Amino acid sequence: MLSDDRLERARDMYRAFASGDRAAVERCLADDFSFSSPLDVGLDRAGHFERCWPGAGRGQQFEFVRMVQSGEDRDL
């Protein structure tokens, strides 16, 4: 279950990616979700899973050095 705390939810999503728990991530992302990174600008929800998800479930480890909450979240 993903946390209602936004920073913890972000950590949970990275952990779900590392473990390959796509169902947990799908429950968290809105239908109108969009994602951008330096390599992928403006991916929609389907594009995010198509482009990013093939690398999931490989036991990646992430170090959360600094996290800052910003903006409003309409779903919490």
PDB file of N, CA and C in Angstrom:
ATOM      1  N   MET A   1       0.852  -1.182   0.000  1.00  0.00           N
ATOM      2  CA  MET A   1       0.000   0.000   0.000  1.00  0.00           C
ATOM      3  C   MET A   1       0.891   1.237   0.000  1.00  0.00           C
ATOM      4  N   LEU A   2       0.583   2.174  -0.883  1.00  0.00           N
ATOM      5  CA  LEU A   2       1.364   3.394  -0.957  1.00  0.00           C
ATOM      6  C   LEU A   2       0.899   4.385   0.102  1.00  0.00           C
ATOM      7  N   SER A   3       1.832   5.097   0.653  1.00  0.00           N
ATOM      8  CA  SER A   3       1.578   6.055   1.715  1.00  0.00           C
ATOM      9  C   SER A   3       0.820   7.277   1.197  1.00  0.00           C
ATOM     10  N   ASP A   4       0.104   7.966   2.105  1.00  0.00           N
ATOM     11  CA  ASP A   4      -0.527   9.233   1.772  1.00  0.00           C
ATOM     12  C   ASP A   4       0.458  10.397   1.913  1.00  0.00           C
ATOM     13  N   ASP A   5       1.587  10.177   2.593  1.00  0.00           N
ATOM     14  CA  ASP A   5       2.633  11.181   2.695  1.00  0.00           C
ATOM     15  C   ASP A   5       3.334  11.265   1.347  1.00  0.00           C
ATOM     16  N   ARG A   6       3.395  12.447   0.772  1.00  0.00           N
ATOM     17  CA  ARG A   6       3.902  12.590  -0.599  1.00  0.00           C
ATOM     18  C   ARG A   6       5.366  12.181  -0.760  1.00  0.00           C
ATOM     19  N   LEU A   7       6.203  12.522   0.186  1.00  0.00           N
ATOM     20  CA  LEU A   7       7.612  12.133   0.075  1.00  0.00           C
ATOM     21  C   LEU A   7       7.777  10.630   0.246  1.00  0.00           C
ATOM     22  N   GLU A   8       7.027  10.060   1.175  1.00  0.00           N
ATOM     23  CA  GLU A   8       7.095   8.608   1.355  1.00  0.00           C
ATOM     24  C   GLU A   8       6.504   7.899   0.136  1.00  0.00           C
ATOM     25  N   ARG A   9       5.468   8.475  -0.454  1.00  0.00           N
ATOM     26  CA  ARG A   9       4.886   7.888  -1.669  1.00  0.00           C
ATOM     27  C   ARG A   9       5.916   7.856  -2.793  1.00  0.00           C
ATOM     28  N   ALA A  10       6.696   8.914  -2.928  1.00  0.00           N
ATOM     29  CA  ALA A  10       7.744   8.936  -3.955  1.00  0.00           C
ATOM     30  C   ALA A  10       8.750   7.812  -3.700  1.00  0.00           C
ATOM     31  N   ARG A  11       9.156   7.649  -2.450  1.00  0.00           N
ATOM     32  CA  ARG A  11      10.078   6.550  -2.114  1.00  0.00           C
ATOM     33  C   ARG A  11       9.439   5.197  -2.422  1.00  0.00           C
ATOM     34  N   ASP A  12       8.156   5.059  -2.047  1.00  0.00           N
ATOM     35  CA  ASP A  12       7.435   3.801  -2.303  1.00  0.00           C
ATOM     36  C   ASP A  12       7.400   3.477  -3.788  1.00  0.00           C
ATOM     37  N   MET A  13       7.222   4.503  -4.621  1.00  0.00           N
ATOM     38  CA  MET A  13       7.148   4.252  -6.063  1.00  0.00           C
ATOM     39  C   MET A  13       8.489   3.787  -6.619  1.00  0.00           C
ATOM     40  N   TYR A  14       9.579   4.365  -6.134  1.00  0.00           N
ATOM     41  CA  TYR A  14      10.901   3.887  -6.556  1.00  0.00           C
ATOM     42  C   TYR A  14      11.117   2.445  -6.106  1.00  0.00           C
ATOM     43  N   ARG A  15      10.704   2.141  -4.878  1.00  0.00           N
ATOM     44  CA  ARG A  15      10.843   0.761  -4.381  1.00  0.00           C
ATOM     45  C   ARG A  15       9.987  -0.210  -5.188  1.00  0.00           C
ATOM     46  N   ALA A  16       8.780   0.215  -5.556  1.00  0.00           N
ATOM     47  CA  ALA A  16       7.901  -0.630  -6.374  1.00  0.00           C
ATOM     48  C   ALA A  16       8.530  -0.863  -7.743  1.00  0.00           C
ATOM     49  N   PHE A  17       9.157   0.162  -8.304  1.00  0.00           N
ATOM     50  CA  PHE A  17       9.856   0.006  -9.576  1.00  0.00           C
ATOM     51  C   PHE A  17      10.977  -1.011  -9.432  1.00  0.00           C
ATOM     52  N   ALA A  18      11.770  -0.875  -8.377  1.00  0.00           N
ATOM     53  CA  ALA A  18      12.914  -1.776  -8.170  1.00  0.00           C
ATOM     54  C   ALA A  18      12.474  -3.221  -7.998  1.00  0.00           C
ATOM     55  N   SER A  19      11.313  -3.413  -7.384  1.00  0.00           N
ATOM     56  CA  SER A  19      10.835  -4.780  -7.160  1.00  0.00           C
ATOM     57  C   SER A  19       9.950  -5.296  -8.297  1.00  0.00           C
ATOM     58  N   GLY A  20       9.627  -4.421  -9.251  1.00  0.00           N
ATOM     59  CA  GLY A  20       8.794  -4.834 -10.371  1.00  0.00           C
ATOM     60  C   GLY A  20       7.315  -4.874 -10.037  1.00  0.00           C
ATOM     61  N   ASP A  21       6.894  -4.152  -9.017  1.00  0.00           N
ATOM     62  CA  ASP A  21       5.488  -4.137  -8.590  1.00  0.00           C
ATOM     63  C   ASP A  21       4.706  -3.090  -9.383  1.00  0.00           C
ATOM     64  N   ARG A  22       4.431  -3.418 -10.629  1.00  0.00           N
ATOM     65  CA  ARG A  22       3.737  -2.474 -11.511  1.00  0.00           C
ATOM     66  C   ARG A  22       2.340  -2.132 -11.008  1.00  0.00           C
ATOM     67  N   ALA A  23       1.642  -3.085 -10.414  1.00  0.00           N
ATOM     68  CA  ALA A  23       0.288  -2.827  -9.912  1.00  0.00           C
ATOM     69  C   ALA A  23       0.292  -1.693  -8.889  1.00  0.00           C
ATOM     70  N   ALA A  24       1.287  -1.649  -8.018  1.00  0.00           N
ATOM     71  CA  ALA A  24       1.374  -0.573  -7.027  1.00  0.00           C
ATOM     72  C   ALA A  24       1.561   0.773  -7.705  1.00  0.00           C
ATOM     73  N   VAL A  25       2.393   0.824  -8.722  1.00  0.00           N
ATOM     74  CA  VAL A  25       2.623   2.075  -9.439  1.00  0.00           C
ATOM     75  C   VAL A  25       1.376   2.470 -10.213  1.00  0.00           C
ATOM     76  N   GLU A  26       0.724   1.527 -10.871  1.00  0.00           N
ATOM     77  CA  GLU A  26      -0.488   1.840 -11.630  1.00  0.00           C
ATOM     78  C   GLU A  26      -1.579   2.417 -10.733  1.00  0.00           C
ATOM     79  N   ARG A  27      -1.699   1.918  -9.509  1.00  0.00           N
ATOM     80  CA  ARG A  27      -2.704   2.443  -8.573  1.00  0.00           C
ATOM     81  C   ARG A  27      -2.427   3.890  -8.207  1.00  0.00           C
ATOM     82  N   CYS A  28      -1.181   4.284  -8.271  1.00  0.00           N
ATOM     83  CA  CYS A  28      -0.782   5.620  -7.832  1.00  0.00           C
ATOM     84  C   CYS A  28      -0.891   6.668  -8.942  1.00  0.00           C
ATOM     85  N   LEU A  29      -0.721   6.269 -10.184  1.00  0.00           N
ATOM     86  CA  LEU A  29      -0.680   7.237 -11.278  1.00  0.00           C
ATOM     87  C   LEU A  29      -2.075   7.525 -11.832  1.00  0.00           C
ATOM     88  N   ALA A  30      -2.397   8.797 -11.946  1.00  0.00           N
ATOM     89  CA  ALA A  30      -3.682   9.220 -12.509  1.00  0.00           C
ATOM     90  C   ALA A  30      -3.729   8.920 -14.003  1.00  0.00           C
ATOM     91  N   ASP A  31      -4.928   8.856 -14.542  1.00  0.00           N
ATOM     92  CA  ASP A  31      -5.093   8.613 -15.975  1.00  0.00           C
ATOM     93  C   ASP A  31      -4.416   9.692 -16.813  1.00  0.00           C
ATOM     94  N   ASP A  32      -4.389  10.933 -16.302  1.00  0.00           N
ATOM     95  CA  ASP A  32      -3.789  12.036 -17.059  1.00  0.00           C
ATOM     96  C   ASP A  32      -2.340  12.318 -16.633  1.00  0.00           C
ATOM     97  N   PHE A  33      -1.691  11.327 -16.020  1.00  0.00           N
ATOM     98  CA  PHE A  33      -0.297  11.441 -15.590  1.00  0.00           C
ATOM     99  C   PHE A  33       0.592  11.810 -16.763  1.00  0.00           C
ATOM    100  N   SER A  34       1.566  12.683 -16.516  1.00  0.00           N
ATOM    101  CA  SER A  34       2.595  12.960 -17.520  1.00  0.00           C
ATOM    102  C   SER A  34       3.949  12.963 -16.822  1.00  0.00           C
ATOM    103  N   PHE A  35       4.971  12.594 -17.557  1.00  0.00           N
ATOM    104  CA  PHE A  35       6.316  12.423 -17.012  1.00  0.00           C
ATOM    105  C   PHE A  35       7.314  13.065 -17.950  1.00  0.00           C
ATOM    106  N   SER A  36       8.270  13.761 -17.372  1.00  0.00           N
ATOM    107  CA  SER A  36       9.345  14.344 -18.176  1.00  0.00           C
ATOM    108  C   SER A  36      10.684  14.133 -17.489  1.00  0.00           C
ATOM    109  N   SER A  37      11.669  13.884 -18.293  1.00  0.00           N
ATOM    110  CA  SER A  37      13.052  13.814 -17.845  1.00  0.00           C
ATOM    111  C   SER A  37      13.885  14.420 -18.970  1.00  0.00           C
ATOM    112  N   PRO A  38      15.172  14.608 -18.764  1.00  0.00           N
ATOM    113  CA  PRO A  38      15.979  15.163 -19.857  1.00  0.00           C
ATOM    114  C   PRO A  38      15.902  14.342 -21.152  1.00  0.00           C
ATOM    115  N   LEU A  39      15.686  13.034 -21.038  1.00  0.00           N
ATOM    116  CA  LEU A  39      15.625  12.186 -22.227  1.00  0.00           C
ATOM    117  C   LEU A  39      14.207  11.956 -22.746  1.00  0.00           C
ATOM    118  N   ASP A  40      13.228  12.133 -21.895  1.00  0.00           N
ATOM    119  CA  ASP A  40      11.838  11.853 -22.254  1.00  0.00           C
ATOM    120  C   ASP A  40      10.966  13.016 -21.791  1.00  0.00           C
ATOM    121  N   VAL A  41      10.555  13.840 -22.711  1.00  0.00           N
ATOM    122  CA  VAL A  41       9.750  15.011 -22.366  1.00  0.00           C
ATOM    123  C   VAL A  41       8.294  14.748 -22.710  1.00  0.00           C
ATOM    124  N   GLY A  42       7.429  14.888 -21.702  1.00  0.00           N
ATOM    125  CA  GLY A  42       5.990  14.836 -21.932  1.00  0.00           C
ATOM    126  C   GLY A  42       5.410  13.468 -22.223  1.00  0.00           C
ATOM    127  N   LEU A  43       5.940  12.423 -21.598  1.00  0.00           N
ATOM    128  CA  LEU A  43       5.348  11.091 -21.785  1.00  0.00           C
ATOM    129  C   LEU A  43       4.010  11.026 -21.054  1.00  0.00           C
ATOM    130  N   ASP A  44       3.010  10.434 -21.687  1.00  0.00           N
ATOM    131  CA  ASP A  44       1.758  10.185 -20.986  1.00  0.00           C
ATOM    132  C   ASP A  44       1.901   8.896 -20.180  1.00  0.00           C
ATOM    133  N   ARG A  45       0.830   8.501 -19.509  1.00  0.00           N
ATOM    134  CA  ARG A  45       0.878   7.324 -18.635  1.00  0.00           C
ATOM    135  C   ARG A  45       1.322   6.072 -19.401  1.00  0.00           C
ATOM    136  N   ALA A  46       0.690   5.817 -20.547  1.00  0.00           N
ATOM    137  CA  ALA A  46       1.046   4.642 -21.355  1.00  0.00           C
ATOM    138  C   ALA A  46       2.491   4.735 -21.845  1.00  0.00           C
ATOM    139  N   GLY A  47       2.895   5.924 -22.278  1.00  0.00           N
ATOM    140  CA  GLY A  47       4.264   6.120 -22.740  1.00  0.00           C
ATOM    141  C   GLY A  47       5.286   5.913 -21.640  1.00  0.00           C
ATOM    142  N   HIS A  48       4.937   6.324 -20.431  1.00  0.00           N
ATOM    143  CA  HIS A  48       5.823   6.118 -19.285  1.00  0.00           C
ATOM    144  C   HIS A  48       6.068   4.629 -19.064  1.00  0.00           C
ATOM    145  N   PHE A  49       4.989   3.842 -19.058  1.00  0.00           N
ATOM    146  CA  PHE A  49       5.160   2.401 -18.841  1.00  0.00           C
ATOM    147  C   PHE A  49       5.894   1.754 -20.013  1.00  0.00           C
ATOM    148  N   GLU A  50       5.619   2.207 -21.221  1.00  0.00           N
ATOM    149  CA  GLU A  50       6.287   1.640 -22.402  1.00  0.00           C
ATOM    150  C   GLU A  50       7.784   1.946 -22.387  1.00  0.00           C
ATOM    151  N   ARG A  51       8.123   3.169 -22.054  1.00  0.00           N
ATOM    152  CA  ARG A  51       9.522   3.603 -22.125  1.00  0.00           C
ATOM    153  C   ARG A  51      10.326   3.229 -20.872  1.00  0.00           C
ATOM    154  N   CYS A  52       9.707   3.385 -19.699  1.00  0.00           N
ATOM    155  CA  CYS A  52      10.443   3.251 -18.442  1.00  0.00           C
ATOM    156  C   CYS A  52      10.317   1.881 -17.787  1.00  0.00           C
ATOM    157  N   TRP A  53       9.179   1.225 -17.950  1.00  0.00           N
ATOM    158  CA  TRP A  53       8.938   0.011 -17.177  1.00  0.00           C
ATOM    159  C   TRP A  53       9.794  -1.194 -17.565  1.00  0.00           C
ATOM    160  N   PRO A  54      10.257  -1.341 -18.807  1.00  0.00           N
ATOM    161  CA  PRO A  54      11.080  -2.516 -19.115  1.00  0.00           C
ATOM    162  C   PRO A  54      12.310  -2.670 -18.215  1.00  0.00           C
ATOM    163  N   GLY A  55      12.769  -1.604 -17.587  1.00  0.00           N
ATOM    164  CA  GLY A  55      13.917  -1.686 -16.696  1.00  0.00           C
ATOM    165  C   GLY A  55      13.561  -2.016 -15.261  1.00  0.00           C
ATOM    166  N   ALA A  56      12.279  -2.187 -14.977  1.00  0.00           N
ATOM    167  CA  ALA A  56      11.834  -2.420 -13.595  1.00  0.00           C
ATOM    168  C   ALA A  56      12.119  -3.848 -13.140  1.00  0.00           C
ATOM    169  N   GLY A  57      12.147  -4.014 -11.821  1.00  0.00           N
ATOM    170  CA  GLY A  57      12.247  -5.339 -11.237  1.00  0.00           C
ATOM    171  C   GLY A  57      13.637  -5.938 -11.220  1.00  0.00           C
ATOM    172  N   ARG A  58      14.622  -5.099 -11.338  1.00  0.00           N
ATOM    173  CA  ARG A  58      15.995  -5.602 -11.343  1.00  0.00           C
ATOM    174  C   ARG A  58      16.712  -5.359 -10.020  1.00  0.00           C
ATOM    175  N   GLY A  59      15.923  -5.047  -8.985  1.00  0.00           N
ATOM    176  CA  GLY A  59      16.502  -4.864  -7.662  1.00  0.00           C
ATOM    177  C   GLY A  59      17.349  -3.608  -7.526  1.00  0.00           C
ATOM    178  N   GLN A  60      17.041  -2.608  -8.346  1.00  0.00           N
ATOM    179  CA  GLN A  60      17.791  -1.360  -8.259  1.00  0.00           C
ATOM    180  C   GLN A  60      17.723  -0.806  -6.835  1.00  0.00           C
ATOM    181  N   GLN A  61      18.739  -0.057  -6.488  1.00  0.00           N
ATOM    182  CA  GLN A  61      18.752   0.612  -5.190  1.00  0.00           C
ATOM    183  C   GLN A  61      18.867   2.105  -5.436  1.00  0.00           C
ATOM    184  N   PHE A  62      18.096   2.861  -4.690  1.00  0.00           N
ATOM    185  CA  PHE A  62      18.079   4.304  -4.837  1.00  0.00           C
ATOM    186  C   PHE A  62      18.453   4.941  -3.515  1.00  0.00           C
ATOM    187  N   GLU A  63      19.284   5.955  -3.580  1.00  0.00           N
ATOM    188  CA  GLU A  63      19.653   6.717  -2.393  1.00  0.00           C
ATOM    189  C   GLU A  63      18.937   8.054  -2.470  1.00  0.00           C
ATOM    190  N   PHE A  64      18.096   8.326  -1.507  1.00  0.00           N
ATOM    191  CA  PHE A  64      17.337   9.567  -1.468  1.00  0.00           C
ATOM    192  C   PHE A  64      18.132  10.577  -0.650  1.00  0.00           C
ATOM    193  N   VAL A  65      18.946  11.344  -1.317  1.00  0.00           N
ATOM    194  CA  VAL A  65      19.847  12.277  -0.656  1.00  0.00           C
ATOM    195  C   VAL A  65      19.077  13.481  -0.124  1.00  0.00           C
ATOM    196  N   ARG A  66      18.208  14.028  -0.942  1.00  0.00           N
ATOM    197  CA  ARG A  66      17.425  15.197  -0.542  1.00  0.00           C
ATOM    198  C   ARG A  66      16.112  15.173  -1.302  1.00  0.00           C
ATOM    199  N   MET A  67      15.029  15.276  -0.564  1.00  0.00           N
ATOM    200  CA  MET A  67      13.713  15.324  -1.191  1.00  0.00           C
ATOM    201  C   MET A  67      12.983  16.553  -0.679  1.00  0.00           C
ATOM    202  N   VAL A  68      12.320  17.247  -1.597  1.00  0.00           N
ATOM    203  CA  VAL A  68      11.594  18.461  -1.247  1.00  0.00           C
ATOM    204  C   VAL A  68      10.190  18.351  -1.805  1.00  0.00           C
ATOM    205  N   GLN A  69       9.216  18.583  -0.969  1.00  0.00           N
ATOM    206  CA  GLN A  69       7.820  18.572  -1.406  1.00  0.00           C
ATOM    207  C   GLN A  69       7.475  19.945  -1.951  1.00  0.00           C
ATOM    208  N   SER A  70       6.828  19.976  -3.107  1.00  0.00           N
ATOM    209  CA  SER A  70       6.491  21.249  -3.733  1.00  0.00           C
ATOM    210  C   SER A  70       5.146  21.141  -4.426  1.00  0.00           C
ATOM    211  N   GLY A  71       4.354  22.199  -4.371  1.00  0.00           N
ATOM    212  CA  GLY A  71       3.097  22.243  -5.104  1.00  0.00           C
ATOM    213  C   GLY A  71       1.972  21.523  -4.412  1.00  0.00           C
ATOM    214  N   GLU A  72       0.848  21.492  -5.090  1.00  0.00           N
ATOM    215  CA  GLU A  72      -0.371  20.873  -4.573  1.00  0.00           C
ATOM    216  C   GLU A  72      -0.553  19.496  -5.191  1.00  0.00           C
ATOM    217  N   ASP A  73      -1.183  18.624  -4.463  1.00  0.00           N
ATOM    218  CA  ASP A  73      -1.520  17.287  -4.974  1.00  0.00           C
ATOM    219  C   ASP A  73      -3.015  17.113  -4.822  1.00  0.00           C
ATOM    220  N   ARG A  74      -3.719  17.122  -5.918  1.00  0.00           N
ATOM    221  CA  ARG A  74      -5.182  17.106  -5.874  1.00  0.00           C
ATOM    222  C   ARG A  74      -5.757  15.778  -5.409  1.00  0.00           C
ATOM    223  N   ASP A  75      -4.968  14.698  -5.449  1.00  0.00           N
ATOM    224  CA  ASP A  75      -5.502  13.381  -5.124  1.00  0.00           C
ATOM    225  C   ASP A  75      -5.295  12.962  -3.677  1.00  0.00           C
ATOM    226  N   LEU A  76      -4.599  13.753  -2.875  1.00  0.00           N
ATOM    227  CA  LEU A  76      -4.348  13.362  -1.482  1.00  0.00           C
ATOM    228  C   LEU A  76      -5.300  14.080  -0.561  1.00  0.00           C
TER     229      LEU A  76
END
